[in-house]
Amino acid sequence: MGNKRKNFFATLILGVMLFVTGCSNITGFDDGTEKTKVETSNIVSTGDAGSKYTVSQEEKNYLKNKFDKLSSVNEQTVGYIYVPGGKMEEPIVQDKEDKSNAIYLDKTFEKNNIPLMGAVFMDYSNDGKFEDHLTWLFGHARGSGVSDYRMFKDVLRYKDQKFFNEHPYVVVETPERKYYYEAVMIHEVHEDTELYKTDQDLYTNHYNSSSIEISKEEYDSQYKAKDLEDYFDKLSKSETVFAKKENMKFNVNDKYLILSTCPDFIADPETRYNLYLRQIPDSELNEFLEKNKDKLVANTKAD
């Protein structure tokens, strides 16, 4: 896992260096943000309850039309992500055969090979359906010297607690339905951090350390919750959190989307920023949408 993402980010940082914004090191980059430590007692283990969200026919028609168009350009399209009120609006691709997570560093959504431009892409080992507990998306945080610099530039903006508070939600559209996320925290890590974990990584680590052979199904039902709790506990002890949700809590029953990128200026080439987003569960969605429907619209791109 470490080598896989190390190779990915080794290439990613080269792209960052071509699109600098004038800052030469992390300590000299004054963006008004301040690191804070997350409390360690913020993990809960409650389950979901209540009525389930139902996808309307209107939404199904909208998504079919949208993804018919997107898939005609790139058949590896798995989603579309945007930040309401922000600048991020990007299709999401996944190449499950690309175990290096490197193809879409240079390959654009339109399948053009443009060095260091790339696309927003999902980790090859994720299920592609946003149903894993830990789904990872990667993308360049292009510098302002590039004509199209949206991508994951907004991820870096979340370091500012004011921007974090004013843009609490992220929307992901898929061919089947929309998913809604709330920002939990953004922190800085080293490229070799043990906090890069997918659901498959959790299972593989458990399998390799166990004295008995265990199936993925057995692992999910018997051991995964404990490994997730351990993972969230390590996250909670991070000392390099820039911004977070008030009264932040991780829930082992929730699903999380993690947006990962490098700085957009020349800095320590081993620095990464990971934005954690909690998927709003279906049991909460009806109330959530009624309360926030005017805040969840997309921004500038046409469907």
Protein backbone atom coordinates (compact mmCIF):
# COMPACT_ATOMS: atom_id res chain seq x y z
CA MET A 1 0.00 0.00 0.00
CA GLY A 2 2.75 2.45 0.98
CA ASN A 3 4.78 1.73 -2.17
CA LYS A 4 1.70 2.00 -4.38
CA ARG A 5 0.80 5.46 -3.18
CA LYS A 6 4.43 6.48 -2.85
CA ASN A 7 4.86 5.90 -6.59
CA PHE A 8 1.63 7.79 -7.24
CA PHE A 9 2.63 10.84 -5.23
CA ALA A 10 6.21 10.82 -6.47
CA THR A 11 4.78 11.56 -9.90
CA LEU A 12 2.08 13.87 -8.56
CA ILE A 13 4.56 16.19 -6.88
CA LEU A 14 6.41 16.66 -10.17
CA GLY A 15 3.23 18.07 -11.64
CA VAL A 16 2.80 20.34 -8.67
CA MET A 17 6.28 21.76 -9.22
CA LEU A 18 5.35 22.79 -12.76
CA PHE A 19 2.28 24.70 -11.58
CA VAL A 20 3.68 26.64 -8.64
CA THR A 21 1.96 29.63 -7.13
CA GLY A 22 5.08 31.35 -5.86
CA CYS A 23 5.46 29.73 -2.42
CA SER A 24 8.71 27.92 -1.84
CA ASN A 25 8.11 26.02 1.37
CA ILE A 26 5.35 25.00 3.70
CA THR A 27 6.42 27.23 6.58
CA GLY A 28 6.47 30.24 4.27
CA PHE A 29 2.95 29.63 2.97
CA ASP A 30 0.73 31.88 5.02
CA ASP A 31 -2.85 30.94 4.18
CA GLY A 32 -4.34 31.98 7.49
CA THR A 33 -4.75 28.40 8.67
CA GLU A 34 -3.66 26.97 11.96
CA LYS A 35 -3.04 23.39 13.05
CA THR A 36 -5.11 21.98 15.88
CA LYS A 37 -5.16 18.63 17.61
CA VAL A 38 -8.26 16.47 17.44
CA GLU A 39 -9.63 15.10 20.67
CA THR A 40 -9.11 11.36 21.12
CA SER A 41 -12.56 10.56 22.52
CA ASN A 42 -14.56 11.13 19.35
CA ILE A 43 -15.38 7.68 18.03
CA VAL A 44 -18.92 6.34 18.27
CA SER A 45 -20.34 2.99 17.22
CA THR A 46 -24.04 3.57 16.81
CA GLY A 47 -25.98 2.15 13.88
CA ASP A 48 -28.42 3.80 11.49
CA ALA A 49 -32.15 3.80 12.06
CA GLY A 50 -35.20 5.36 10.51
CA SER A 51 -36.78 5.62 7.08
CA LYS A 52 -34.66 5.11 3.99
CA TYR A 53 -34.07 7.59 1.21
CA THR A 54 -35.73 6.74 -2.11
CA VAL A 55 -34.27 7.81 -5.45
CA SER A 56 -36.95 9.63 -7.42
CA GLN A 57 -37.68 8.91 -11.06
CA GLU A 58 -36.75 12.51 -11.84
CA GLU A 59 -33.30 11.94 -10.34
CA LYS A 60 -32.90 8.64 -12.19
CA ASN A 61 -33.70 10.33 -15.50
CA TYR A 62 -31.30 13.19 -14.77
CA LEU A 63 -28.48 10.80 -13.87
CA LYS A 64 -29.04 8.54 -16.86
CA ASN A 65 -28.83 11.49 -19.21
CA LYS A 66 -25.73 12.84 -17.51
CA PHE A 67 -23.82 9.57 -17.33
CA ASP A 68 -24.76 8.51 -20.83
CA LYS A 69 -22.89 11.63 -21.96
CA LEU A 70 -19.97 11.19 -19.56
CA SER A 71 -19.55 7.49 -20.36
CA SER A 72 -19.56 8.22 -24.08
CA VAL A 73 -16.38 10.22 -23.45
CA ASN A 74 -14.81 7.84 -20.93
CA GLU A 75 -16.29 4.43 -20.18
CA GLN A 76 -14.36 4.30 -16.88
CA THR A 77 -16.54 7.05 -15.39
CA VAL A 78 -17.83 6.11 -11.93
CA GLY A 79 -19.05 9.44 -10.62
CA TYR A 80 -19.11 13.21 -10.68
CA ILE A 81 -18.08 15.35 -7.70
CA TYR A 82 -18.71 18.97 -6.86
CA VAL A 83 -18.45 21.38 -3.94
CA PRO A 84 -21.54 23.61 -3.72
CA GLY A 85 -20.28 27.18 -3.69
CA GLY A 86 -16.74 26.06 -4.51
CA LYS A 87 -14.83 25.58 -7.76
CA MET A 88 -14.53 21.80 -7.79
CA GLU A 89 -16.72 20.13 -10.42
CA GLU A 90 -15.11 17.05 -11.90
CA PRO A 91 -15.97 13.64 -13.33
CA ILE A 92 -14.47 10.70 -11.46
CA VAL A 93 -12.83 7.74 -13.18
CA GLN A 94 -11.45 4.42 -11.98
CA ASP A 95 -9.14 1.95 -13.68
CA LYS A 96 -9.32 -1.25 -11.64
CA GLU A 97 -6.39 -2.75 -13.55
CA ASP A 98 -4.09 0.16 -12.67
CA LYS A 99 -2.60 -1.16 -9.45
CA SER A 100 -0.03 1.63 -9.47
CA ASN A 101 -2.73 4.32 -9.35
CA ALA A 102 -0.68 6.18 -11.95
CA ILE A 103 -2.48 6.16 -15.31
CA TYR A 104 -4.74 9.12 -14.59
CA LEU A 105 -1.90 11.31 -13.41
CA ASP A 106 -1.30 12.23 -17.04
CA LYS A 107 -4.36 10.80 -18.75
CA THR A 108 -7.22 13.29 -18.80
CA PHE A 109 -10.89 12.45 -18.58
CA GLU A 110 -11.07 12.95 -22.35
CA LYS A 111 -8.30 10.29 -22.67
CA ASN A 112 -5.70 12.74 -23.87
CA ASN A 113 -2.17 12.22 -22.62
CA ILE A 114 -1.26 15.61 -21.21
CA PRO A 115 1.65 15.27 -18.78
CA LEU A 116 0.75 16.17 -15.23
CA MET A 117 -2.82 17.30 -15.94
CA GLY A 118 -4.69 14.05 -15.34
CA ALA A 119 -8.15 13.47 -13.88
CA VAL A 120 -9.84 12.84 -10.55
CA PHE A 121 -9.66 9.11 -9.96
CA MET A 122 -10.66 6.49 -7.42
CA ASP A 123 -8.25 4.04 -5.85
CA TYR A 124 -8.19 0.91 -7.99
CA SER A 125 -9.13 -1.34 -5.06
CA ASN A 126 -12.32 0.51 -4.09
CA ASP A 127 -15.64 -0.96 -5.17
CA GLY A 128 -16.41 1.87 -7.60
CA LYS A 129 -19.87 2.30 -6.03
CA PHE A 130 -19.02 4.53 -3.05
CA GLU A 131 -20.20 1.76 -0.74
CA ASP A 132 -16.89 1.01 0.97
CA HIS A 133 -16.26 2.36 4.44
CA LEU A 134 -13.14 4.13 3.12
CA THR A 135 -13.24 5.39 -0.47
CA TRP A 136 -10.19 7.28 -1.76
CA LEU A 137 -10.13 9.85 -4.57
CA PHE A 138 -6.92 11.43 -5.87
CA GLY A 139 -6.31 14.49 -8.00
CA HIS A 140 -3.86 17.27 -8.74
CA ALA A 141 -4.29 20.55 -6.89
CA ARG A 142 -3.33 22.54 -9.94
CA GLY A 143 -1.70 25.91 -9.44
CA SER A 144 -3.29 29.11 -10.60
CA GLY A 145 -0.91 29.31 -13.56
CA VAL A 146 -2.89 26.57 -15.31
CA SER A 147 -5.96 27.44 -17.37
CA ASP A 148 -8.05 24.70 -15.72
CA TYR A 149 -6.96 24.57 -12.10
CA ARG A 150 -10.07 23.40 -10.29
CA MET A 151 -9.48 19.67 -9.76
CA PHE A 152 -8.54 19.31 -6.07
CA LYS A 153 -7.54 22.92 -5.48
CA ASP A 154 -10.62 23.19 -3.25
CA VAL A 155 -9.22 20.42 -1.05
CA LEU A 156 -6.41 22.77 -0.04
CA ARG A 157 -8.91 25.55 0.61
CA TYR A 158 -10.50 23.37 3.28
CA LYS A 159 -7.39 23.98 5.39
CA ASP A 160 -8.92 27.35 6.17
CA GLN A 161 -11.50 26.84 8.93
CA LYS A 162 -13.62 29.65 7.48
CA PHE A 163 -13.80 27.97 4.05
CA PHE A 164 -14.38 24.63 5.81
CA ASN A 165 -17.33 26.05 7.73
CA GLU A 166 -18.81 27.82 4.72
CA HIS A 167 -18.57 24.75 2.43
CA PRO A 168 -19.57 21.88 4.73
CA TYR A 169 -21.05 19.64 2.01
CA VAL A 170 -19.77 17.77 -1.02
CA VAL A 171 -22.01 16.01 -3.54
CA VAL A 172 -21.14 12.89 -5.53
CA GLU A 173 -23.37 11.83 -8.41
CA THR A 174 -23.26 8.25 -9.70
CA PRO A 175 -25.21 6.49 -12.48
CA GLU A 176 -27.59 5.09 -9.83
CA ARG A 177 -28.02 7.95 -7.36
CA LYS A 178 -26.54 10.96 -5.59
CA TYR A 179 -24.53 10.76 -2.38
CA TYR A 180 -24.12 13.65 0.02
CA TYR A 181 -21.14 14.18 2.30
CA GLU A 182 -20.25 16.48 5.16
CA ALA A 183 -16.69 17.59 5.82
CA VAL A 184 -15.20 16.04 8.94
CA MET A 185 -11.58 17.16 8.98
CA ILE A 186 -8.53 17.88 6.85
CA HIS A 187 -5.04 17.06 7.98
CA GLU A 188 -1.49 16.93 6.74
CA VAL A 189 0.38 13.63 6.56
CA HIS A 190 3.62 12.15 5.27
CA GLU A 191 3.40 10.10 2.07
CA ASP A 192 4.29 6.95 4.03
CA THR A 193 1.62 7.44 6.66
CA GLU A 194 -0.15 4.32 7.88
CA LEU A 195 -3.40 6.25 7.52
CA TYR A 196 -3.71 5.42 3.82
CA LYS A 197 -6.11 2.51 4.12
CA THR A 198 -8.89 1.15 1.94
CA ASP A 199 -11.35 -1.57 2.95
CA GLN A 200 -9.20 -4.03 1.02
CA ASP A 201 -6.09 -2.92 2.90
CA LEU A 202 -7.80 -3.51 6.23
CA TYR A 203 -8.70 -7.04 5.20
CA THR A 204 -5.28 -7.78 3.71
CA ASN A 205 -3.48 -6.56 6.82
CA HIS A 206 -5.71 -8.66 9.05
CA TYR A 207 -5.33 -11.70 6.79
CA ASN A 208 -1.54 -11.45 6.74
CA SER A 209 -1.27 -11.06 10.51
CA SER A 210 -3.74 -13.81 11.38
CA SER A 211 -2.75 -17.37 12.19
CA ILE A 212 -5.93 -18.70 10.60
CA GLU A 213 -7.29 -18.28 7.09
CA ILE A 214 -10.34 -16.05 6.96
CA SER A 215 -12.59 -15.01 4.10
CA LYS A 216 -13.44 -11.41 3.24
CA GLU A 217 -17.05 -12.06 4.30
CA GLU A 218 -15.96 -13.44 7.69
CA TYR A 219 -13.63 -10.51 8.17
CA ASP A 220 -16.35 -7.96 7.37
CA SER A 221 -18.80 -9.51 9.81
CA GLN A 222 -16.42 -10.28 12.69
CA TYR A 223 -13.31 -8.08 12.63
CA LYS A 224 -13.72 -5.06 10.39
CA ALA A 225 -15.47 -2.84 12.95
CA LYS A 226 -12.59 -3.23 15.40
CA ASP A 227 -10.00 -2.43 12.73
CA LEU A 228 -12.00 0.62 11.68
CA GLU A 229 -12.17 1.75 15.29
CA ASP A 230 -8.39 1.42 15.58
CA TYR A 231 -7.98 3.34 12.34
CA PHE A 232 -10.26 6.16 13.46
CA ASP A 233 -8.50 6.28 16.80
CA LYS A 234 -5.20 6.94 15.01
CA LEU A 235 -6.87 9.62 12.91
CA SER A 236 -8.23 11.24 16.06
CA LYS A 237 -4.72 11.55 17.45
CA SER A 238 -3.40 13.43 14.45
CA GLU A 239 -1.51 16.55 15.53
CA THR A 240 -1.61 18.14 12.07
CA VAL A 241 -5.30 18.90 11.65
CA PHE A 242 -5.94 22.26 9.99
CA ALA A 243 -9.73 22.37 10.16
CA LYS A 244 -12.49 20.14 11.46
CA LYS A 245 -16.19 19.91 12.11
CA GLU A 246 -17.29 21.14 15.52
CA ASN A 247 -17.86 18.22 17.87
CA MET A 248 -16.35 15.91 15.26
CA LYS A 249 -17.02 12.20 15.70
CA PHE A 250 -16.03 9.18 13.64
CA ASN A 251 -18.57 6.37 13.42
CA VAL A 252 -17.47 2.85 12.49
CA ASN A 253 -20.84 2.29 10.81
CA ASP A 254 -20.50 5.32 8.55
CA LYS A 255 -18.87 5.49 5.14
CA TYR A 256 -16.17 8.04 4.41
CA LEU A 257 -14.87 9.64 1.26
CA ILE A 258 -11.26 10.85 1.41
CA LEU A 259 -9.96 13.42 -1.07
CA SER A 260 -6.17 13.33 -1.23
CA THR A 261 -3.77 15.72 -2.91
CA CYS A 262 -0.35 17.38 -2.72
CA PRO A 263 0.34 21.05 -2.04
CA ASP A 264 0.13 23.31 -5.09
CA PHE A 265 3.49 24.91 -4.37
CA ILE A 266 7.03 23.60 -4.11
CA ALA A 267 7.35 22.22 -0.60
CA ASP A 268 8.33 19.03 1.12
CA PRO A 269 7.65 16.52 -1.68
CA GLU A 270 6.40 14.04 0.91
CA THR A 271 3.54 16.22 2.15
CA ARG A 272 -0.07 15.22 1.52
CA TYR A 273 -3.44 16.71 2.50
CA ASN A 274 -6.38 14.38 3.11
CA LEU A 275 -9.93 15.70 3.46
CA TYR A 276 -12.29 13.28 5.23
CA LEU A 277 -15.99 13.46 4.36
CA ARG A 278 -18.79 11.52 6.05
CA GLN A 279 -21.47 10.11 3.77
CA ILE A 280 -24.92 11.14 4.98
CA PRO A 281 -26.69 7.79 5.59
CA ASP A 282 -30.02 7.13 3.94
CA SER A 283 -31.78 7.20 7.29
CA GLU A 284 -30.85 10.90 7.60
CA LEU A 285 -31.16 11.95 3.98
CA ASN A 286 -34.81 13.04 3.79
CA GLU A 287 -34.37 15.46 6.66
CA PHE A 288 -30.94 16.54 5.41
CA LEU A 289 -32.20 17.34 1.90
CA GLU A 290 -35.24 19.21 3.17
CA LYS A 291 -33.02 21.36 5.35
CA ASN A 292 -30.21 21.95 2.84
CA LYS A 293 -31.74 21.60 -0.63
CA ASP A 294 -30.92 25.19 -1.57
CA LYS A 295 -27.28 24.73 -0.56
CA LEU A 296 -26.53 21.64 -2.67
CA VAL A 297 -26.71 22.89 -6.25
CA ALA A 298 -23.82 22.53 -8.68
CA ASN A 299 -21.96 25.56 -9.92
CA THR A 300 -20.56 26.36 -13.37
CA LYS A 301 -20.30 23.29 -15.57
CA ALA A 302 -23.07 22.21 -17.87
CA ASP A 303 -24.37 18.67 -17.59
